[in-house]
Amino acid sequence: MKKALGFLAGLGLLALSAAAARTASLGWGGGHSDVGFWWTVIASFLGIAAVGALVGTVIHSRSG
């Protein structure tokens, strides 16, 4: 159960990261470099959190 919740949290964070990256792309494309920059920063942090959640789930769910 914990393994499934860990992967679900990681995938949820990955989805949020993708949405933030899309918003950043729209900001850059619309000529709003400040919006594009800060949404890129947010997307990066969410991506790091997603990878951490997924890797942490794999590491801590191994038996042994």
N, C-alpha and C. Protein backbone atom coordinates (compact mmCIF):
# COMPACT_ATOMS: atom_id res chain seq x y z
N MET A 1 0.82 -1.19 0.00
CA MET A 1 0.00 0.00 0.00
C MET A 1 0.87 1.26 0.00
N LYS A 2 1.93 1.25 0.82
CA LYS A 2 2.81 2.41 0.87
C LYS A 2 3.51 2.64 -0.45
N LYS A 3 3.85 1.55 -1.12
CA LYS A 3 4.52 1.65 -2.42
C LYS A 3 3.60 2.32 -3.44
N ALA A 4 2.34 1.92 -3.46
CA ALA A 4 1.38 2.51 -4.38
C ALA A 4 1.17 3.99 -4.09
N LEU A 5 1.08 4.35 -2.82
CA LEU A 5 0.91 5.76 -2.46
C LEU A 5 2.14 6.59 -2.82
N GLY A 6 3.31 6.02 -2.66
CA GLY A 6 4.54 6.72 -3.02
C GLY A 6 4.62 6.99 -4.51
N PHE A 7 4.28 5.97 -5.31
CA PHE A 7 4.28 6.16 -6.76
C PHE A 7 3.18 7.13 -7.19
N LEU A 8 2.03 7.08 -6.54
CA LEU A 8 0.94 7.99 -6.86
C LEU A 8 1.35 9.43 -6.54
N ALA A 9 2.01 9.64 -5.42
CA ALA A 9 2.49 10.98 -5.07
C ALA A 9 3.52 11.46 -6.09
N GLY A 10 4.43 10.60 -6.48
CA GLY A 10 5.44 10.96 -7.47
C GLY A 10 4.83 11.31 -8.81
N LEU A 11 3.86 10.53 -9.24
CA LEU A 11 3.20 10.80 -10.51
C LEU A 11 2.36 12.07 -10.44
N GLY A 12 1.75 12.32 -9.29
CA GLY A 12 0.99 13.56 -9.12
C GLY A 12 1.90 14.78 -9.20
N LEU A 13 3.05 14.70 -8.55
CA LEU A 13 4.01 15.80 -8.63
C LEU A 13 4.54 15.97 -10.04
N LEU A 14 4.73 14.87 -10.74
CA LEU A 14 5.18 14.93 -12.13
C LEU A 14 4.14 15.62 -13.01
N ALA A 15 2.87 15.35 -12.76
CA ALA A 15 1.80 16.01 -13.52
C ALA A 15 1.77 17.51 -13.23
N LEU A 16 1.95 17.87 -11.97
CA LEU A 16 2.00 19.29 -11.62
C LEU A 16 3.20 19.98 -12.27
N SER A 17 4.32 19.27 -12.32
CA SER A 17 5.51 19.81 -12.96
C SER A 17 5.27 20.03 -14.45
N ALA A 18 4.60 19.10 -15.10
CA ALA A 18 4.30 19.25 -16.52
C ALA A 18 3.35 20.42 -16.76
N ALA A 19 2.37 20.59 -15.88
CA ALA A 19 1.45 21.73 -16.02
C ALA A 19 2.18 23.05 -15.82
N ALA A 20 3.09 23.10 -14.86
CA ALA A 20 3.87 24.32 -14.64
C ALA A 20 4.79 24.60 -15.83
N ALA A 21 5.35 23.57 -16.43
CA ALA A 21 6.20 23.75 -17.60
C ALA A 21 5.38 24.27 -18.78
N ARG A 22 4.17 23.80 -18.90
CA ARG A 22 3.29 24.30 -19.97
C ARG A 22 2.98 25.77 -19.76
N THR A 23 2.69 26.15 -18.53
CA THR A 23 2.42 27.56 -18.22
C THR A 23 3.65 28.41 -18.51
N ALA A 24 4.84 27.88 -18.16
CA ALA A 24 6.08 28.61 -18.45
C ALA A 24 6.25 28.79 -19.95
N SER A 25 5.96 27.75 -20.70
CA SER A 25 6.09 27.83 -22.15
C SER A 25 5.15 28.87 -22.74
N LEU A 26 3.94 28.93 -22.22
CA LEU A 26 2.99 29.94 -22.69
C LEU A 26 3.46 31.34 -22.31
N GLY A 27 4.06 31.46 -21.14
CA GLY A 27 4.60 32.75 -20.73
C GLY A 27 5.74 33.22 -21.62
N TRP A 28 6.68 32.31 -21.88
CA TRP A 28 7.79 32.66 -22.76
C TRP A 28 7.28 33.00 -24.15
N GLY A 29 6.36 32.19 -24.65
CA GLY A 29 5.83 32.40 -26.00
C GLY A 29 5.04 33.69 -26.14
N GLY A 30 4.41 34.12 -25.04
CA GLY A 30 3.61 35.34 -25.07
C GLY A 30 4.41 36.59 -24.83
N GLY A 31 5.72 36.45 -24.69
CA GLY A 31 6.56 37.61 -24.47
C GLY A 31 6.64 38.07 -23.03
N HIS A 32 6.18 37.22 -22.11
CA HIS A 32 6.22 37.55 -20.68
C HIS A 32 7.36 36.77 -20.05
N SER A 33 8.56 37.30 -20.15
CA SER A 33 9.74 36.57 -19.69
C SER A 33 9.74 36.37 -18.18
N ASP A 34 9.13 37.28 -17.42
CA ASP A 34 9.08 37.11 -15.97
C ASP A 34 8.19 35.93 -15.60
N VAL A 35 7.05 35.80 -16.26
CA VAL A 35 6.15 34.67 -16.01
C VAL A 35 6.82 33.37 -16.44
N GLY A 36 7.44 33.39 -17.61
CA GLY A 36 8.12 32.19 -18.09
C GLY A 36 9.23 31.76 -17.16
N PHE A 37 10.01 32.72 -16.67
CA PHE A 37 11.13 32.39 -15.78
C PHE A 37 10.64 31.76 -14.48
N TRP A 38 9.70 32.41 -13.81
CA TRP A 38 9.28 31.91 -12.50
C TRP A 38 8.51 30.60 -12.60
N TRP A 39 7.73 30.40 -13.66
CA TRP A 39 7.07 29.11 -13.81
C TRP A 39 8.07 28.01 -14.16
N THR A 40 9.17 28.38 -14.83
CA THR A 40 10.24 27.41 -15.07
C THR A 40 10.90 26.99 -13.77
N VAL A 41 11.11 27.96 -12.88
CA VAL A 41 11.67 27.65 -11.56
C VAL A 41 10.74 26.72 -10.78
N ILE A 42 9.46 27.02 -10.79
CA ILE A 42 8.47 26.19 -10.10
C ILE A 42 8.43 24.79 -10.70
N ALA A 43 8.43 24.70 -12.02
CA ALA A 43 8.42 23.39 -12.69
C ALA A 43 9.66 22.59 -12.33
N SER A 44 10.80 23.26 -12.23
CA SER A 44 12.04 22.56 -11.87
C SER A 44 11.96 21.99 -10.45
N PHE A 45 11.49 22.80 -9.51
CA PHE A 45 11.36 22.32 -8.13
C PHE A 45 10.37 21.16 -8.04
N LEU A 46 9.26 21.25 -8.75
CA LEU A 46 8.29 20.16 -8.74
C LEU A 46 8.86 18.90 -9.39
N GLY A 47 9.65 19.07 -10.43
CA GLY A 47 10.30 17.92 -11.06
C GLY A 47 11.29 17.24 -10.13
N ILE A 48 12.06 18.05 -9.40
CA ILE A 48 13.00 17.49 -8.42
C ILE A 48 12.24 16.73 -7.33
N ALA A 49 11.13 17.30 -6.86
CA ALA A 49 10.33 16.63 -5.84
C ALA A 49 9.73 15.33 -6.36
N ALA A 50 9.30 15.32 -7.61
CA ALA A 50 8.73 14.11 -8.20
C ALA A 50 9.76 13.01 -8.31
N VAL A 51 10.95 13.35 -8.78
CA VAL A 51 12.02 12.35 -8.89
C VAL A 51 12.39 11.85 -7.50
N GLY A 52 12.46 12.75 -6.54
CA GLY A 52 12.77 12.34 -5.16
C GLY A 52 11.73 11.39 -4.59
N ALA A 53 10.46 11.68 -4.85
CA ALA A 53 9.39 10.80 -4.36
C ALA A 53 9.46 9.42 -5.01
N LEU A 54 9.69 9.39 -6.31
CA LEU A 54 9.74 8.11 -7.01
C LEU A 54 10.97 7.29 -6.61
N VAL A 55 12.12 7.93 -6.57
CA VAL A 55 13.35 7.22 -6.17
C VAL A 55 13.27 6.79 -4.71
N GLY A 56 12.77 7.66 -3.86
CA GLY A 56 12.62 7.32 -2.45
C GLY A 56 11.67 6.16 -2.23
N THR A 57 10.61 6.10 -3.02
CA THR A 57 9.68 4.99 -2.92
C THR A 57 10.34 3.69 -3.31
N VAL A 58 11.12 3.73 -4.38
CA VAL A 58 11.82 2.51 -4.83
C VAL A 58 12.82 2.06 -3.77
N ILE A 59 13.60 3.00 -3.25
CA ILE A 59 14.63 2.65 -2.27
C ILE A 59 14.01 2.09 -0.99
N HIS A 60 12.96 2.73 -0.50
CA HIS A 60 12.40 2.34 0.79
C HIS A 60 11.38 1.23 0.72
N SER A 61 11.03 0.80 -0.48
CA SER A 61 10.08 -0.31 -0.58
C SER A 61 10.76 -1.63 -0.93
N ARG A 62 12.08 -1.59 -1.10
CA ARG A 62 12.81 -2.83 -1.37
C ARG A 62 12.83 -3.69 -0.11
N SER A 63 12.68 -4.96 -0.27
CA SER A 63 12.77 -5.86 0.87
C SER A 63 14.23 -6.31 1.00
N GLY A 64 14.66 -6.40 2.20
CA GLY A 64 16.01 -6.90 2.31
C GLY A 64 16.72 -6.35 3.44
